[in-house]
């Protein structure tokens, strides 16, 4: 049952905190600072997915793809911030 799973509470709370933090960052930070915040957000979401993977809520294949996509996105954001 989902209510017995700690992720049933943690996932909506963490994802909303990250989303609100990114939105606030968009409103108040410079471009470079916001890109660094995006990097932190993507890494945080990957850490959440790692927890979901460890709890066997998401599959190994999904998590593997998620790692590679996050790596590509973080690299692209680092290139973007280096060009500012």
N, C-alpha and C. Protein backbone atom coordinates (compact mmCIF):
# COMPACT_ATOMS: atom_id res chain seq x y z
N UNK A 1 0.85 -1.19 0.00
CA UNK A 1 0.00 0.00 0.00
C UNK A 1 0.89 1.25 0.00
N UNK A 2 0.53 2.25 -0.77
CA UNK A 2 1.35 3.45 -0.91
C UNK A 2 1.50 4.20 0.41
N UNK A 3 0.50 4.14 1.29
CA UNK A 3 0.59 4.87 2.55
C UNK A 3 1.67 4.31 3.47
N UNK A 4 2.01 3.06 3.28
CA UNK A 4 3.06 2.43 4.10
C UNK A 4 4.45 2.80 3.61
N UNK A 5 4.56 3.33 2.44
CA UNK A 5 5.84 3.66 1.86
C UNK A 5 6.23 5.09 2.23
N UNK A 6 7.44 5.26 2.74
CA UNK A 6 7.92 6.59 3.13
C UNK A 6 7.93 7.55 1.94
N UNK A 7 8.11 7.02 0.73
CA UNK A 7 8.16 7.87 -0.46
C UNK A 7 6.80 8.48 -0.77
N UNK A 8 5.72 7.89 -0.29
CA UNK A 8 4.39 8.43 -0.55
C UNK A 8 4.26 9.83 0.02
N UNK A 9 4.96 10.13 1.09
CA UNK A 9 4.99 11.48 1.67
C UNK A 9 6.15 12.30 1.15
N UNK A 10 7.33 11.68 1.10
CA UNK A 10 8.55 12.42 0.74
C UNK A 10 8.54 12.94 -0.69
N UNK A 11 8.08 12.14 -1.63
CA UNK A 11 8.19 12.51 -3.04
C UNK A 11 7.43 13.80 -3.38
N UNK A 12 6.16 13.93 -3.01
CA UNK A 12 5.48 15.19 -3.34
C UNK A 12 6.08 16.39 -2.61
N UNK A 13 6.51 16.21 -1.39
CA UNK A 13 7.09 17.32 -0.63
C UNK A 13 8.41 17.76 -1.25
N UNK A 14 9.31 16.82 -1.50
CA UNK A 14 10.61 17.17 -2.06
C UNK A 14 10.49 17.76 -3.46
N UNK A 15 9.66 17.17 -4.29
CA UNK A 15 9.54 17.68 -5.65
C UNK A 15 8.95 19.09 -5.66
N UNK A 16 8.01 19.38 -4.78
CA UNK A 16 7.45 20.73 -4.71
C UNK A 16 8.42 21.74 -4.13
N UNK A 17 9.23 21.33 -3.16
CA UNK A 17 10.25 22.23 -2.62
C UNK A 17 11.26 22.59 -3.71
N UNK A 18 11.69 21.60 -4.48
CA UNK A 18 12.64 21.85 -5.56
C UNK A 18 12.01 22.77 -6.61
N UNK A 19 10.78 22.49 -7.01
CA UNK A 19 10.11 23.31 -8.02
C UNK A 19 9.94 24.75 -7.54
N UNK A 20 9.51 24.95 -6.31
CA UNK A 20 9.35 26.30 -5.78
C UNK A 20 10.69 27.01 -5.65
N UNK A 21 11.72 26.30 -5.23
CA UNK A 21 13.05 26.89 -5.14
C UNK A 21 13.57 27.35 -6.49
N UNK A 22 13.34 26.54 -7.52
CA UNK A 22 13.76 26.92 -8.87
C UNK A 22 12.96 28.12 -9.38
N UNK A 23 11.68 28.14 -9.11
CA UNK A 23 10.86 29.27 -9.54
C UNK A 23 11.31 30.56 -8.86
N UNK A 24 11.54 30.49 -7.55
CA UNK A 24 12.03 31.68 -6.84
C UNK A 24 13.40 32.10 -7.36
N UNK A 25 14.25 31.13 -7.63
CA UNK A 25 15.56 31.43 -8.19
C UNK A 25 15.45 32.11 -9.53
N UNK A 26 14.52 31.67 -10.35
CA UNK A 26 14.29 32.30 -11.65
C UNK A 26 13.92 33.77 -11.49
N UNK A 27 13.15 34.06 -10.44
CA UNK A 27 12.68 35.42 -10.23
C UNK A 27 13.77 36.36 -9.70
N UNK A 28 14.70 35.84 -8.89
CA UNK A 28 15.60 36.74 -8.18
C UNK A 28 17.08 36.61 -8.54
N UNK A 29 17.48 35.54 -9.17
CA UNK A 29 18.91 35.33 -9.41
C UNK A 29 19.33 35.84 -10.79
N UNK A 30 20.63 36.09 -10.91
CA UNK A 30 21.20 36.41 -12.22
C UNK A 30 21.17 35.14 -13.08
N UNK A 31 21.43 35.32 -14.37
CA UNK A 31 21.42 34.16 -15.28
C UNK A 31 22.39 33.07 -14.83
N UNK A 32 23.62 33.46 -14.52
CA UNK A 32 24.63 32.46 -14.13
C UNK A 32 24.23 31.77 -12.82
N UNK A 33 23.75 32.54 -11.86
CA UNK A 33 23.34 31.95 -10.58
C UNK A 33 22.17 30.99 -10.78
N UNK A 34 21.24 31.38 -11.65
CA UNK A 34 20.09 30.51 -11.90
C UNK A 34 20.51 29.21 -12.58
N UNK A 35 21.46 29.28 -13.50
CA UNK A 35 21.94 28.05 -14.15
C UNK A 35 22.57 27.12 -13.11
N UNK A 36 23.35 27.67 -12.19
CA UNK A 36 23.93 26.83 -11.13
C UNK A 36 22.83 26.24 -10.26
N UNK A 37 21.77 27.00 -10.02
CA UNK A 37 20.64 26.47 -9.26
C UNK A 37 19.95 25.35 -10.03
N UNK A 38 19.83 25.50 -11.35
CA UNK A 38 19.27 24.42 -12.17
C UNK A 38 20.11 23.15 -12.06
N UNK A 39 21.42 23.31 -12.10
CA UNK A 39 22.31 22.16 -11.96
C UNK A 39 22.05 21.47 -10.62
N UNK A 40 21.97 22.26 -9.57
CA UNK A 40 21.67 21.71 -8.24
C UNK A 40 20.31 21.01 -8.24
N UNK A 41 19.34 21.60 -8.91
CA UNK A 41 18.01 20.99 -8.99
C UNK A 41 18.02 19.65 -9.70
N UNK A 42 18.72 19.58 -10.84
CA UNK A 42 18.79 18.32 -11.57
C UNK A 42 19.52 17.24 -10.76
N UNK A 43 20.58 17.62 -10.09
CA UNK A 43 21.31 16.64 -9.26
C UNK A 43 20.43 16.19 -8.09
N UNK A 44 19.68 17.12 -7.50
CA UNK A 44 18.77 16.76 -6.41
C UNK A 44 17.70 15.79 -6.89
N UNK A 45 17.16 16.04 -8.07
CA UNK A 45 16.15 15.12 -8.61
C UNK A 45 16.74 13.75 -8.91
N UNK A 46 18.00 13.72 -9.34
CA UNK A 46 18.66 12.44 -9.56
C UNK A 46 18.84 11.70 -8.23
N UNK A 47 19.15 12.43 -7.18
CA UNK A 47 19.29 11.79 -5.86
C UNK A 47 17.95 11.23 -5.38
N UNK A 48 16.87 11.93 -5.67
CA UNK A 48 15.54 11.41 -5.33
C UNK A 48 15.28 10.13 -6.11
N UNK A 49 15.60 10.16 -7.41
CA UNK A 49 15.42 8.94 -8.21
C UNK A 49 16.29 7.80 -7.70
N UNK A 50 17.47 8.11 -7.19
CA UNK A 50 18.31 7.07 -6.61
C UNK A 50 17.61 6.43 -5.41
N UNK A 51 17.01 7.26 -4.57
CA UNK A 51 16.25 6.73 -3.44
C UNK A 51 15.08 5.88 -3.89
N UNK A 52 14.39 6.31 -4.93
CA UNK A 52 13.29 5.52 -5.48
C UNK A 52 13.79 4.20 -6.06
N UNK A 53 14.96 4.25 -6.67
CA UNK A 53 15.56 3.03 -7.22
C UNK A 53 15.94 2.07 -6.09
N UNK A 54 16.53 2.61 -5.04
CA UNK A 54 16.91 1.77 -3.89
C UNK A 54 15.68 1.14 -3.24
N UNK A 55 14.57 1.87 -3.24
CA UNK A 55 13.32 1.35 -2.67
C UNK A 55 12.57 0.46 -3.66
N UNK A 56 13.16 0.25 -4.82
CA UNK A 56 12.61 -0.58 -5.89
C UNK A 56 11.25 -0.08 -6.37
N UNK A 57 11.12 1.25 -6.41
CA UNK A 57 9.90 1.86 -6.93
C UNK A 57 10.07 2.15 -8.42
N UNK A 58 11.29 2.47 -8.84
CA UNK A 58 11.56 2.62 -10.27
C UNK A 58 12.55 1.55 -10.69
N UNK A 59 12.50 1.21 -11.96
CA UNK A 59 13.33 0.10 -12.45
C UNK A 59 14.79 0.53 -12.62
N UNK A 60 15.63 -0.47 -12.68
CA UNK A 60 17.06 -0.23 -12.90
C UNK A 60 17.28 0.42 -14.26
N UNK A 61 16.55 -0.03 -15.27
CA UNK A 61 16.70 0.52 -16.62
C UNK A 61 16.33 2.00 -16.65
N UNK A 62 15.23 2.37 -15.99
CA UNK A 62 14.83 3.77 -15.95
C UNK A 62 15.91 4.61 -15.26
N UNK A 63 16.39 4.12 -14.13
CA UNK A 63 17.39 4.89 -13.38
C UNK A 63 18.67 5.04 -14.18
N UNK A 64 19.05 4.01 -14.90
CA UNK A 64 20.25 4.07 -15.73
C UNK A 64 20.12 5.17 -16.79
N UNK A 65 18.98 5.21 -17.48
CA UNK A 65 18.74 6.26 -18.47
C UNK A 65 18.72 7.62 -17.80
N UNK A 66 18.08 7.70 -16.65
CA UNK A 66 17.97 8.97 -15.91
C UNK A 66 19.35 9.52 -15.55
N UNK A 67 20.28 8.64 -15.17
CA UNK A 67 21.65 9.07 -14.85
C UNK A 67 22.31 9.69 -16.06
N UNK A 68 22.21 9.03 -17.21
CA UNK A 68 22.86 9.53 -18.41
C UNK A 68 22.24 10.85 -18.88
N UNK A 69 20.93 10.94 -18.83
CA UNK A 69 20.27 12.17 -19.26
C UNK A 69 20.66 13.32 -18.33
N UNK A 70 20.69 13.06 -17.03
CA UNK A 70 21.08 14.10 -16.08
C UNK A 70 22.52 14.53 -16.32
N UNK A 71 23.40 13.61 -16.59
CA UNK A 71 24.79 13.94 -16.89
C UNK A 71 24.90 14.84 -18.12
N UNK A 72 24.14 14.52 -19.16
CA UNK A 72 24.16 15.33 -20.38
C UNK A 72 23.61 16.73 -20.10
N UNK A 73 22.51 16.81 -19.39
CA UNK A 73 21.90 18.11 -19.09
C UNK A 73 22.82 18.95 -18.22
N UNK A 74 23.41 18.36 -17.20
CA UNK A 74 24.31 19.11 -16.31
C UNK A 74 25.53 19.59 -17.09
N UNK A 75 26.06 18.77 -17.96
CA UNK A 75 27.20 19.18 -18.78
C UNK A 75 26.81 20.35 -19.69
N UNK A 76 25.64 20.25 -20.31
CA UNK A 76 25.18 21.34 -21.19
C UNK A 76 24.99 22.64 -20.41
N UNK A 77 24.45 22.54 -19.21
CA UNK A 77 24.26 23.73 -18.39
C UNK A 77 25.62 24.33 -17.98
N UNK A 78 26.59 23.49 -17.70
CA UNK A 78 27.92 23.99 -17.35
C UNK A 78 28.56 24.70 -18.53
N UNK A 79 28.37 24.16 -19.73
CA UNK A 79 28.87 24.84 -20.93
C UNK A 79 28.17 26.18 -21.09
N UNK A 80 26.87 26.20 -20.86
CA UNK A 80 26.10 27.45 -21.00
C UNK A 80 26.58 28.50 -19.99
N UNK A 81 26.79 28.10 -18.75
CA UNK A 81 27.20 29.08 -17.73
C UNK A 81 28.62 29.54 -18.00
N UNK A 82 29.46 28.72 -18.60
CA UNK A 82 30.83 29.12 -18.91
C UNK A 82 30.85 30.16 -20.03
N UNK A 83 29.82 30.21 -20.84
CA UNK A 83 29.77 31.14 -21.95
C UNK A 83 29.14 32.49 -21.59
N UNK A 84 28.65 32.62 -20.38
CA UNK A 84 28.04 33.90 -19.95
C UNK A 84 29.10 34.92 -19.62
